[in-house]
N, C-alpha and C. Protein backbone atom coordinates (compact mmCIF):
# COMPACT_ATOMS: atom_id res chain seq x y z
N UNK A 1 -26.22 18.63 -73.04
CA UNK A 1 -24.89 18.31 -72.82
C UNK A 1 -24.75 17.88 -74.59
N UNK A 2 -23.24 18.31 -74.60
CA UNK A 2 -22.83 17.81 -75.83
C UNK A 2 -22.38 16.18 -75.63
N UNK A 3 -22.92 15.35 -76.85
CA UNK A 3 -22.77 13.79 -76.79
C UNK A 3 -21.80 13.60 -77.15
N UNK A 4 -20.40 14.17 -77.37
CA UNK A 4 -18.80 13.96 -77.31
C UNK A 4 -18.90 14.11 -75.85
N UNK A 5 -19.12 14.19 -74.74
CA UNK A 5 -18.84 14.38 -73.27
C UNK A 5 -19.23 13.27 -73.34
N UNK A 6 -20.70 12.85 -73.00
CA UNK A 6 -21.13 11.10 -72.84
C UNK A 6 -20.31 10.18 -73.42
N UNK A 7 -20.23 10.01 -74.71
CA UNK A 7 -18.92 9.34 -75.19
C UNK A 7 -17.63 8.87 -74.74
N UNK A 8 -17.26 10.17 -73.86
CA UNK A 8 -15.83 10.29 -74.17
C UNK A 8 -15.94 9.13 -72.50
N UNK A 9 -14.78 8.10 -73.12
CA UNK A 9 -14.38 7.50 -72.36
C UNK A 9 -12.43 7.86 -71.00
N UNK A 10 -13.29 7.65 -69.31
CA UNK A 10 -12.36 8.26 -68.82
C UNK A 10 -10.94 7.09 -68.69
N UNK A 11 -9.51 7.01 -69.09
CA UNK A 11 -8.78 6.61 -69.21
C UNK A 11 -7.44 6.08 -68.13
N UNK A 12 -8.61 6.70 -66.77
CA UNK A 12 -8.27 6.17 -66.23
C UNK A 12 -7.97 4.52 -65.64
N UNK A 13 -7.32 4.20 -64.94
CA UNK A 13 -7.06 2.25 -64.80
C UNK A 13 -7.74 1.77 -64.14
N UNK A 14 -7.87 2.48 -62.64
CA UNK A 14 -8.56 1.46 -61.46
C UNK A 14 -10.16 2.21 -61.11
N UNK A 15 -10.65 1.14 -60.49
CA UNK A 15 -11.68 2.11 -60.05
C UNK A 15 -11.81 2.17 -58.42
N UNK A 16 -12.48 3.31 -58.42
CA UNK A 16 -11.84 3.93 -57.13
C UNK A 16 -11.61 3.30 -55.49
N UNK A 17 -12.57 2.66 -55.40
CA UNK A 17 -12.35 1.59 -53.96
C UNK A 17 -10.96 1.11 -53.80
N UNK A 18 -10.12 0.86 -55.69
CA UNK A 18 -9.29 0.09 -55.30
C UNK A 18 -8.22 1.21 -55.63
N UNK A 19 -8.25 2.31 -56.10
CA UNK A 19 -7.53 3.45 -56.07
C UNK A 19 -7.37 4.42 -54.53
N UNK A 20 -8.33 4.33 -54.25
CA UNK A 20 -8.25 5.57 -53.03
C UNK A 20 -7.62 5.33 -51.81
N UNK A 21 -6.00 5.62 -52.12
CA UNK A 21 -4.85 5.23 -51.24
C UNK A 21 -3.62 6.07 -50.95
N UNK A 22 -3.23 6.36 -49.68
CA UNK A 22 -2.34 7.81 -49.84
C UNK A 22 -2.69 8.93 -49.50
N UNK A 23 -1.90 9.96 -49.96
CA UNK A 23 -2.60 11.38 -49.97
C UNK A 23 -3.54 11.17 -51.14
N UNK A 24 -4.15 11.90 -51.34
CA UNK A 24 -5.06 12.31 -51.93
C UNK A 24 -5.65 13.50 -52.33
N UNK A 25 -5.39 14.20 -53.06
CA UNK A 25 -5.99 15.55 -53.42
C UNK A 25 -6.87 15.97 -54.46
N UNK A 26 -7.66 17.15 -54.47
CA UNK A 26 -8.31 17.50 -55.49
C UNK A 26 -8.06 18.42 -55.97
N UNK A 27 -7.48 18.85 -57.35
CA UNK A 27 -6.91 19.74 -57.26
C UNK A 27 -7.07 20.24 -59.25
N UNK A 28 -7.00 21.92 -58.74
CA UNK A 28 -7.56 22.42 -60.28
C UNK A 28 -6.44 22.02 -60.87
N UNK A 29 -6.02 22.03 -62.25
CA UNK A 29 -4.82 21.80 -62.49
C UNK A 29 -4.19 23.46 -63.13
N UNK A 30 -4.97 24.24 -63.61
CA UNK A 30 -4.55 26.20 -63.50
C UNK A 30 -5.28 26.78 -63.39
N UNK A 31 -5.20 28.23 -63.11
CA UNK A 31 -5.58 28.85 -62.44
C UNK A 31 -6.65 29.14 -62.66
N UNK A 32 -7.32 29.03 -64.54
CA UNK A 32 -8.61 29.16 -64.83
C UNK A 32 -9.30 28.35 -65.21
N UNK A 33 -8.51 27.19 -64.56
CA UNK A 33 -8.83 25.90 -65.15
C UNK A 33 -11.29 25.43 -65.04
N UNK A 34 -11.44 24.92 -65.94
CA UNK A 34 -12.70 24.79 -65.35
C UNK A 34 -12.49 22.99 -65.19
N UNK A 35 -11.90 23.24 -64.56
CA UNK A 35 -11.95 21.14 -63.55
C UNK A 35 -11.06 21.16 -63.14
N UNK A 36 -11.75 20.17 -61.91
CA UNK A 36 -11.31 19.37 -60.51
C UNK A 36 -10.56 17.95 -61.00
N UNK A 37 -8.98 18.09 -60.59
CA UNK A 37 -8.62 16.30 -60.85
C UNK A 37 -8.52 15.56 -59.53
N UNK A 38 -9.06 14.52 -59.47
CA UNK A 38 -8.79 14.00 -58.04
C UNK A 38 -7.09 12.63 -57.71
N UNK A 39 -6.32 13.40 -57.18
CA UNK A 39 -5.22 13.06 -57.73
C UNK A 39 -4.00 11.99 -56.78
N UNK A 40 -3.64 11.03 -56.80
CA UNK A 40 -3.66 9.96 -55.73
C UNK A 40 -1.38 10.53 -55.76
N UNK A 41 -1.20 10.35 -55.64
CA UNK A 41 0.33 10.96 -55.97
C UNK A 41 0.22 11.73 -57.52
N UNK A 42 0.59 10.49 -58.63
CA UNK A 42 0.90 11.22 -59.90
C UNK A 42 -0.09 10.67 -60.46
N UNK A 43 -1.00 9.73 -60.03
CA UNK A 43 -2.25 9.14 -60.75
C UNK A 43 -3.03 9.86 -60.61
N UNK A 44 -3.74 9.61 -61.80
CA UNK A 44 -5.47 10.80 -61.66
C UNK A 44 -6.53 10.05 -61.48
N UNK A 45 -7.18 10.04 -60.68
CA UNK A 45 -8.13 8.90 -60.70
C UNK A 45 -9.64 9.31 -60.90
N UNK A 46 -9.99 10.63 -60.70
CA UNK A 46 -10.90 10.95 -60.71
C UNK A 46 -11.08 12.30 -61.50
N UNK A 47 -12.10 12.56 -62.27
CA UNK A 47 -12.16 15.02 -62.47
C UNK A 47 -13.99 14.93 -63.01
N UNK A 48 -13.99 16.06 -62.73
CA UNK A 48 -14.98 17.01 -62.72
C UNK A 48 -14.10 18.44 -63.64
N UNK A 49 -15.86 18.45 -64.30
CA UNK A 49 -15.47 18.83 -65.50
C UNK A 49 -16.55 19.99 -65.77
N UNK A 50 -16.66 21.74 -65.73
CA UNK A 50 -18.00 21.74 -65.73
C UNK A 50 -17.26 22.64 -67.09
N UNK A 51 -18.40 22.47 -68.17
CA UNK A 51 -17.98 22.80 -69.68
C UNK A 51 -18.31 24.04 -70.32
N UNK A 52 -19.44 24.64 -69.38
CA UNK A 52 -19.61 25.77 -70.19
C UNK A 52 -19.26 27.06 -69.08
N UNK A 53 -18.89 28.31 -69.02
CA UNK A 53 -18.66 29.51 -67.76
C UNK A 53 -20.17 29.36 -67.59
N UNK A 54 -19.77 29.56 -65.81
CA UNK A 54 -21.00 30.25 -65.39
C UNK A 54 -22.27 29.42 -65.02
N UNK A 55 -21.71 27.97 -65.05
CA UNK A 55 -22.69 26.63 -64.75
C UNK A 55 -22.18 26.33 -64.00
N UNK A 56 -23.58 25.54 -63.38
CA UNK A 56 -22.67 24.90 -62.03
C UNK A 56 -23.71 23.08 -62.62
N UNK A 57 -23.38 22.91 -63.74
CA UNK A 57 -23.35 21.53 -64.66
C UNK A 57 -22.29 21.17 -64.92
N UNK A 58 -21.70 19.74 -63.85
CA UNK A 58 -20.62 18.89 -64.27
C UNK A 58 -20.38 17.59 -64.18
N UNK A 59 -19.88 17.69 -65.33
CA UNK A 59 -19.45 15.78 -65.76
C UNK A 59 -18.32 15.31 -65.04
N UNK A 60 -19.16 14.47 -64.01
CA UNK A 60 -18.43 13.49 -63.47
C UNK A 60 -17.47 12.25 -63.91
N UNK A 61 -16.67 12.02 -64.24
CA UNK A 61 -15.75 10.89 -64.11
C UNK A 61 -14.91 9.98 -63.79
N UNK A 62 -15.09 9.31 -64.04
CA UNK A 62 -14.11 7.89 -63.29
C UNK A 62 -13.65 6.82 -63.84
N UNK A 63 -12.90 5.28 -63.56
CA UNK A 63 -12.96 4.29 -63.77
C UNK A 63 -14.27 3.60 -64.02
N UNK A 64 -15.29 4.90 -62.56
CA UNK A 64 -16.17 3.75 -62.39
C UNK A 64 -17.60 3.83 -63.30
N UNK A 65 -17.27 4.73 -64.08
CA UNK A 65 -18.65 5.45 -64.59
C UNK A 65 -18.73 7.30 -65.01
N UNK A 66 -19.76 7.66 -65.94
CA UNK A 66 -19.87 9.14 -65.86
C UNK A 66 -21.17 9.55 -65.54
N UNK A 67 -20.75 10.43 -64.61
CA UNK A 67 -22.06 11.04 -64.43
C UNK A 67 -22.53 12.54 -64.45
N UNK A 68 -23.54 13.67 -64.43
CA UNK A 68 -23.52 14.75 -64.57
C UNK A 68 -24.54 15.05 -63.08
N UNK A 69 -23.82 16.45 -62.75
CA UNK A 69 -23.65 16.40 -60.79
C UNK A 69 -24.50 18.10 -61.36
N UNK A 70 -25.78 18.76 -61.06
CA UNK A 70 -25.93 20.02 -61.09
C UNK A 70 -27.08 20.37 -60.15
N UNK A 71 -27.78 21.64 -60.11
CA UNK A 71 -28.73 21.95 -59.32
C UNK A 71 -30.12 21.26 -60.03
N UNK A 72 -30.88 21.10 -59.25
CA UNK A 72 -32.11 20.57 -59.75
C UNK A 72 -32.81 22.02 -61.05
N UNK A 73 -33.38 22.49 -61.22
CA UNK A 73 -34.02 23.38 -62.48
C UNK A 73 -34.47 24.64 -61.38
N UNK A 74 -35.22 23.61 -60.80
CA UNK A 74 -35.90 24.69 -59.75
C UNK A 74 -35.43 24.04 -58.71
N UNK A 75 -34.52 24.79 -58.63
CA UNK A 75 -34.13 24.78 -57.04
C UNK A 75 -33.86 26.02 -56.57
N UNK A 76 -33.80 25.57 -54.72
CA UNK A 76 -34.11 26.91 -54.02
C UNK A 76 -32.75 27.35 -53.76
N UNK A 77 -32.82 28.53 -52.74
CA UNK A 77 -31.60 29.53 -52.66
C UNK A 77 -30.17 28.04 -51.73
N UNK A 78 -30.44 27.18 -51.65
CA UNK A 78 -29.16 26.67 -51.14
C UNK A 78 -29.14 25.54 -52.73
N UNK A 79 -30.06 25.58 -53.35
CA UNK A 79 -29.07 24.82 -54.13
C UNK A 79 -28.65 23.60 -54.50
N UNK A 80 -30.10 22.99 -54.23
CA UNK A 80 -30.52 21.24 -54.61
C UNK A 80 -29.48 20.49 -55.51
N UNK A 81 -29.32 19.66 -55.45
CA UNK A 81 -28.14 19.07 -56.37
C UNK A 81 -28.65 17.66 -56.89
N UNK A 82 -28.40 17.13 -58.26
CA UNK A 82 -28.84 16.17 -58.90
C UNK A 82 -27.93 15.62 -58.52
N UNK A 83 -27.68 14.66 -59.30
CA UNK A 83 -26.67 13.34 -59.89
C UNK A 83 -27.36 12.12 -60.80
N UNK A 84 -27.36 12.77 -62.38
CA UNK A 84 -27.81 11.82 -63.38
C UNK A 84 -27.01 10.93 -64.17
N UNK A 85 -28.17 10.60 -64.56
CA UNK A 85 -26.68 9.33 -65.83
C UNK A 85 -27.22 10.28 -67.19
N UNK A 86 -25.53 10.41 -67.98
CA UNK A 86 -25.66 11.33 -68.93
C UNK A 86 -26.45 10.39 -70.17
N UNK A 87 -26.66 9.08 -70.06
CA UNK A 87 -27.77 8.21 -71.42
C UNK A 87 -29.03 8.85 -71.41
N UNK A 88 -29.55 8.19 -70.21
CA UNK A 88 -30.27 8.13 -70.09
C UNK A 88 -31.40 9.79 -69.14
N UNK A 89 -30.55 10.72 -68.16
CA UNK A 89 -31.23 11.44 -68.01
C UNK A 89 -31.68 10.92 -66.17
N UNK A 90 -31.82 9.60 -66.37
CA UNK A 90 -32.20 9.55 -64.70
C UNK A 90 -31.21 9.66 -63.77
N UNK A 91 -32.69 10.20 -62.14
CA UNK A 91 -31.56 10.63 -61.54
C UNK A 91 -31.09 9.22 -60.73
N UNK A 92 -30.01 9.32 -60.39
CA UNK A 92 -28.84 8.24 -59.35
C UNK A 92 -29.03 8.42 -58.05
N UNK A 93 -28.84 10.03 -57.78
CA UNK A 93 -29.60 10.45 -56.17
C UNK A 93 -29.27 12.06 -56.34
N UNK A 94 -30.14 12.90 -54.92
CA UNK A 94 -30.63 14.09 -55.26
C UNK A 94 -29.76 14.45 -53.59
N UNK A 95 -28.57 15.33 -53.05
CA UNK A 95 -28.70 16.37 -52.24
C UNK A 95 -28.99 17.56 -51.88
N UNK A 96 -30.00 17.27 -50.79
CA UNK A 96 -30.73 18.23 -49.89
C UNK A 96 -29.81 18.92 -49.08
N UNK A 97 -29.34 20.48 -49.43
CA UNK A 97 -28.11 20.71 -48.69
C UNK A 97 -29.41 22.01 -47.17
N UNK A 98 -28.77 21.62 -45.74
CA UNK A 98 -29.37 22.95 -44.94
C UNK A 98 -28.71 24.24 -45.57
N UNK A 99 -29.46 24.89 -44.27
CA UNK A 99 -29.01 26.32 -44.27
C UNK A 99 -27.34 26.49 -43.30
N UNK A 100 -27.53 25.65 -42.11
CA UNK A 100 -25.61 25.73 -41.93
C UNK A 100 -24.94 24.94 -42.93
N UNK A 101 -25.28 24.33 -43.77
CA UNK A 101 -23.89 23.88 -44.44
C UNK A 101 -23.56 22.33 -45.26
N UNK A 102 -24.65 21.18 -44.22
CA UNK A 102 -24.80 20.35 -44.04
C UNK A 102 -25.93 19.80 -44.85
N UNK A 103 -26.57 18.85 -44.32
CA UNK A 103 -27.12 18.02 -45.46
C UNK A 103 -27.43 16.68 -45.97
N UNK A 104 -28.47 16.07 -46.55
CA UNK A 104 -28.23 14.14 -46.77
C UNK A 104 -28.69 14.02 -48.40
N UNK A 105 -27.26 13.25 -49.01
CA UNK A 105 -28.32 12.62 -50.17
C UNK A 105 -28.81 11.24 -49.82
N UNK A 106 -29.52 11.63 -50.95
CA UNK A 106 -30.02 9.33 -51.32
C UNK A 106 -30.27 9.30 -51.97
N UNK A 107 -29.91 8.69 -52.58
CA UNK A 107 -29.43 7.41 -53.76
C UNK A 107 -30.81 7.17 -54.33
N UNK A 108 -30.85 6.99 -55.63
CA UNK A 108 -32.02 5.65 -55.89
C UNK A 108 -32.43 4.65 -55.81
N UNK A 109 -31.15 4.07 -54.77
CA UNK A 109 -31.46 2.96 -54.11
C UNK A 109 -32.06 2.59 -52.88
N UNK A 110 -31.95 4.18 -52.86
CA UNK A 110 -32.91 3.78 -51.45
C UNK A 110 -31.45 3.88 -49.91
N UNK A 111 -30.11 4.22 -49.87
CA UNK A 111 -29.34 4.38 -49.79
C UNK A 111 -28.96 5.76 -49.40
N UNK A 112 -28.59 6.41 -47.69
CA UNK A 112 -28.97 7.96 -47.49
C UNK A 112 -27.63 7.89 -46.53
N UNK A 113 -26.21 8.95 -46.86
CA UNK A 113 -25.62 9.64 -46.36
C UNK A 113 -25.80 11.37 -45.97
N UNK A 114 -25.34 11.34 -45.22
CA UNK A 114 -24.93 13.12 -44.47
C UNK A 114 -23.93 13.79 -44.77
N UNK A 115 -23.70 15.52 -45.38
CA UNK A 115 -22.65 15.86 -45.41
C UNK A 115 -22.80 16.77 -44.06
N UNK A 116 -21.62 16.61 -43.64
CA UNK A 116 -21.40 16.79 -42.01
C UNK A 116 -20.10 18.37 -41.98
N UNK A 117 -19.83 18.79 -40.89
CA UNK A 117 -19.02 19.98 -40.91
C UNK A 117 -18.21 19.74 -39.62
N UNK A 118 -17.14 19.95 -39.09
CA UNK A 118 -16.22 20.25 -37.89
C UNK A 118 -15.55 20.77 -37.62
N UNK A 119 -15.49 21.50 -36.86
CA UNK A 119 -14.64 22.61 -37.65
C UNK A 119 -14.93 24.17 -37.30
N UNK A 120 -14.03 25.13 -37.10
CA UNK A 120 -14.36 27.07 -37.54
C UNK A 120 -13.44 27.42 -38.58
N UNK A 121 -12.43 27.68 -38.09
CA UNK A 121 -11.25 28.18 -38.93
C UNK A 121 -10.96 27.33 -40.23
N UNK A 122 -10.90 26.13 -39.93
CA UNK A 122 -10.27 25.28 -41.29
C UNK A 122 -11.32 23.96 -41.48
N UNK A 123 -12.60 24.21 -41.69
CA UNK A 123 -13.32 23.10 -41.52
C UNK A 123 -13.37 22.20 -42.32
N UNK A 124 -13.42 20.66 -41.81
CA UNK A 124 -13.83 19.90 -42.57
C UNK A 124 -15.11 19.29 -42.41
N UNK A 125 -15.09 19.03 -43.67
CA UNK A 125 -16.25 18.18 -44.51
C UNK A 125 -16.15 16.45 -44.51
N UNK A 126 -17.49 16.07 -44.64
CA UNK A 126 -17.83 14.44 -44.38
C UNK A 126 -18.94 14.27 -44.98
N UNK A 127 -18.91 12.83 -45.42
CA UNK A 127 -19.81 12.14 -45.43
C UNK A 127 -19.58 10.66 -44.40
N UNK A 128 -21.32 11.19 -43.87
CA UNK A 128 -20.98 9.64 -43.00
C UNK A 128 -22.29 9.02 -42.85
N UNK A 129 -22.38 7.72 -42.77
CA UNK A 129 -24.03 7.56 -42.57
C UNK A 129 -24.69 7.22 -41.11
N UNK A 130 -25.27 7.35 -40.84
CA UNK A 130 -26.50 8.28 -40.23
C UNK A 130 -25.37 9.13 -38.91
N UNK A 131 -25.49 8.32 -37.86
CA UNK A 131 -24.41 9.28 -37.13
C UNK A 131 -23.35 8.39 -36.67
N UNK A 132 -22.38 8.01 -37.39
CA UNK A 132 -21.42 7.26 -37.48
C UNK A 132 -20.43 7.62 -37.40
N UNK A 133 -18.86 7.55 -37.58
CA UNK A 133 -17.53 8.48 -37.93
C UNK A 133 -17.54 8.99 -39.91
N UNK A 134 -16.87 9.03 -40.00
CA UNK A 134 -17.20 9.94 -41.07
C UNK A 134 -16.48 8.99 -41.78
N UNK A 135 -17.09 8.23 -43.28
CA UNK A 135 -16.76 7.76 -44.81
C UNK A 135 -15.62 8.86 -45.32
N UNK A 136 -16.13 9.77 -45.68
CA UNK A 136 -14.58 10.06 -46.45
C UNK A 136 -14.96 11.91 -46.26
N UNK A 137 -13.69 12.97 -46.30
CA UNK A 137 -13.76 14.12 -45.52
C UNK A 137 -12.80 14.49 -46.62
N UNK A 138 -13.67 15.31 -46.41
CA UNK A 138 -12.37 16.65 -47.46
C UNK A 138 -12.54 17.90 -46.22
N UNK A 139 -10.89 18.71 -47.26
CA UNK A 139 -10.58 20.16 -46.07
C UNK A 139 -9.44 20.85 -46.71
N UNK A 140 -10.01 22.14 -47.34
CA UNK A 140 -9.13 22.68 -48.27
C UNK A 140 -7.90 22.99 -48.01
N UNK A 141 -7.75 22.45 -48.60
CA UNK A 141 -6.26 22.71 -49.14
C UNK A 141 -5.07 24.49 -49.12
N UNK A 142 -4.62 24.60 -47.79
CA UNK A 142 -3.91 25.90 -47.53
C UNK A 142 -3.46 26.21 -48.73
N UNK A 143 -3.11 27.70 -49.20
CA UNK A 143 -1.94 27.90 -50.39
C UNK A 143 -3.12 29.11 -51.40
N UNK A 144 -2.32 29.26 -52.95
CA UNK A 144 -3.22 30.01 -53.40
C UNK A 144 -4.27 29.24 -54.77
N UNK A 145 -3.83 27.45 -54.68
CA UNK A 145 -4.57 27.21 -55.56
C UNK A 145 -6.01 26.40 -55.05
N UNK A 146 -6.78 26.09 -55.87
CA UNK A 146 -7.82 25.55 -55.88
C UNK A 146 -7.83 24.26 -55.22
N UNK A 147 -8.17 23.74 -53.89
CA UNK A 147 -7.83 22.59 -53.62
C UNK A 147 -8.28 21.86 -52.71
N UNK A 148 -8.78 20.49 -52.43
CA UNK A 148 -8.97 19.69 -51.21
C UNK A 148 -8.36 18.40 -51.10
N UNK A 149 -8.02 18.53 -50.06
CA UNK A 149 -7.61 16.93 -49.06
C UNK A 149 -8.44 16.30 -48.58
N UNK A 150 -9.01 15.01 -49.27
CA UNK A 150 -9.73 14.14 -49.18
C UNK A 150 -9.07 12.92 -48.35
N UNK A 151 -9.57 12.67 -47.68
CA UNK A 151 -9.09 10.59 -46.47
C UNK A 151 -10.86 9.94 -46.37
N UNK A 152 -10.33 9.01 -47.22
CA UNK A 152 -11.08 7.77 -46.71
C UNK A 152 -10.88 7.01 -46.14
N UNK A 153 -12.14 6.31 -44.95
CA UNK A 153 -12.22 5.53 -43.49
C UNK A 153 -12.29 4.06 -44.51
N UNK A 154 -11.17 2.99 -44.30
CA UNK A 154 -10.90 1.98 -45.17
C UNK A 154 -12.71 0.81 -45.02
N UNK A 155 -13.21 1.05 -43.99
CA UNK A 155 -14.92 0.96 -43.70
C UNK A 155 -16.13 1.74 -45.00
N UNK A 156 -15.78 2.76 -46.19
CA UNK A 156 -16.14 3.50 -47.44
C UNK A 156 -15.86 2.20 -48.59
N UNK A 157 -14.51 1.56 -48.33
CA UNK A 157 -14.14 0.50 -49.75
C UNK A 157 -15.28 0.00 -50.12
N UNK A 158 -16.40 -0.20 -49.65
CA UNK A 158 -17.46 -1.51 -49.29
C UNK A 158 -18.41 -0.78 -50.32
N UNK A 159 -18.50 0.49 -49.81
CA UNK A 159 -20.10 1.00 -50.27
C UNK A 159 -20.45 1.03 -51.47
N UNK A 160 -21.44 0.79 -52.66
CA UNK A 160 -21.55 0.44 -53.81
C UNK A 160 -21.39 1.68 -54.56
N UNK A 161 -22.10 2.90 -53.25
CA UNK A 161 -22.41 4.61 -53.56
C UNK A 161 -20.97 5.00 -53.83
N UNK A 162 -19.75 4.84 -53.34
CA UNK A 162 -18.34 5.19 -52.96
C UNK A 162 -17.75 6.25 -54.43
N UNK A 163 -18.15 6.13 -55.47
CA UNK A 163 -17.57 6.89 -56.69
C UNK A 163 -18.26 7.49 -56.35
N UNK A 164 -19.54 7.75 -56.55
CA UNK A 164 -20.53 8.70 -56.70
C UNK A 164 -20.57 10.20 -55.54
N UNK A 165 -20.37 9.59 -53.89
CA UNK A 165 -19.57 10.00 -53.33
C UNK A 165 -18.75 10.95 -52.81
N UNK A 166 -17.21 10.59 -53.89
CA UNK A 166 -16.34 10.96 -53.71
C UNK A 166 -16.98 12.04 -55.00
N UNK A 167 -17.04 11.90 -56.13
CA UNK A 167 -17.34 12.81 -57.32
C UNK A 167 -18.68 14.21 -56.70
N UNK A 168 -19.36 13.70 -56.18
CA UNK A 168 -20.37 14.24 -55.31
C UNK A 168 -19.56 15.68 -54.54
N UNK A 169 -18.98 14.38 -53.71
CA UNK A 169 -17.54 15.60 -52.38
C UNK A 169 -17.13 16.24 -53.18
N UNK A 170 -16.57 16.29 -54.28
CA UNK A 170 -15.87 17.11 -54.64
C UNK A 170 -16.27 18.34 -55.07
N UNK A 171 -17.23 17.85 -56.19
CA UNK A 171 -17.94 19.06 -56.60
C UNK A 171 -18.48 19.67 -55.29
N UNK A 172 -19.50 19.20 -54.22
CA UNK A 172 -19.95 19.66 -53.05
C UNK A 172 -18.50 21.40 -52.49
N UNK A 173 -17.86 20.62 -52.69
CA UNK A 173 -16.55 21.93 -51.79
C UNK A 173 -15.81 22.50 -53.10
N UNK A 174 -16.28 22.27 -54.65
CA UNK A 174 -16.09 23.21 -54.66
C UNK A 174 -16.92 24.63 -55.09
N UNK A 175 -18.32 23.79 -54.66
CA UNK A 175 -19.44 24.77 -54.87
C UNK A 175 -19.47 25.88 -53.24
N UNK A 176 -18.99 25.20 -52.56
CA UNK A 176 -18.26 26.00 -51.02
C UNK A 176 -17.39 27.11 -50.76
N UNK A 177 -16.19 26.86 -51.74
CA UNK A 177 -15.37 27.88 -51.85
C UNK A 177 -15.89 28.79 -52.86
N UNK A 178 -16.58 28.68 -54.15
CA UNK A 178 -17.44 28.94 -54.84
C UNK A 178 -17.85 30.34 -53.82
N UNK A 179 -18.68 29.18 -52.93
CA UNK A 179 -19.48 30.36 -52.68
C UNK A 179 -18.92 31.46 -51.34
N UNK A 180 -17.62 31.14 -50.80
CA UNK A 180 -16.85 31.66 -49.93
C UNK A 180 -15.90 32.98 -51.11
N UNK A 181 -15.39 32.93 -52.36
CA UNK A 181 -15.59 33.59 -52.76
C UNK A 181 -16.22 34.64 -53.49
N UNK A 182 -17.37 34.80 -53.53
CA UNK A 182 -18.50 35.37 -54.19
C UNK A 182 -18.92 36.14 -52.86
N UNK A 183 -18.42 36.08 -51.27
CA UNK A 183 -19.38 37.12 -50.23
C UNK A 183 -18.04 37.84 -50.33
C-alpha cells in the first residue's frame, strides 16, 4: 500500500460513537466510484476506498483511525477478511465467513461478534454479541445506486470495537453486493 495513503488523515471531525445518529447511509459518490462514504445527513463520517481496480483491499478511515481491510492471502473460497493497522501491519480483527453468509469476527483483544442475516427478499445483515439483539444492522437501499442503510443500537456506542465494526460491516456489504452482481 502506498505510504501517502497511510499518512493521510481523516478530515471528518467527530468520533463515530458521537456521530452515529439519525439516518445513516453508506453511499457510492459516483456510478464507477471505488469508494463508499458513510453519511449522516450531509456529514461524512467514514470512508472505504479501494485504491486499485479489481482489488479486495480497502483503506478504511474515520475520525477514530485508519485501517486496511482485505482478504487473507491464503483465503478460502469464502474469503476470510482481516483488518490490519496500516503502520505496523498488525492484525486488529479477523472475520471468518460461513457458507450461509453468516460469520464471526474476532478481535486481537479477544472480543467476538457475530455477523447474522434476517429476511429473504431484502435481507438485513447485522453484528451482534452472542445471541443478543443486533448492535449494528445493514440493509441495501432500493434504487439504482449502491448504498446501504445502517442502524445503530444505543448499546453499541459503548463498544471499544465500534469503529472497526462499522467499517468492516460496510466492507462486507460491498463484498456481498459484488458477489450478487457477479452471479
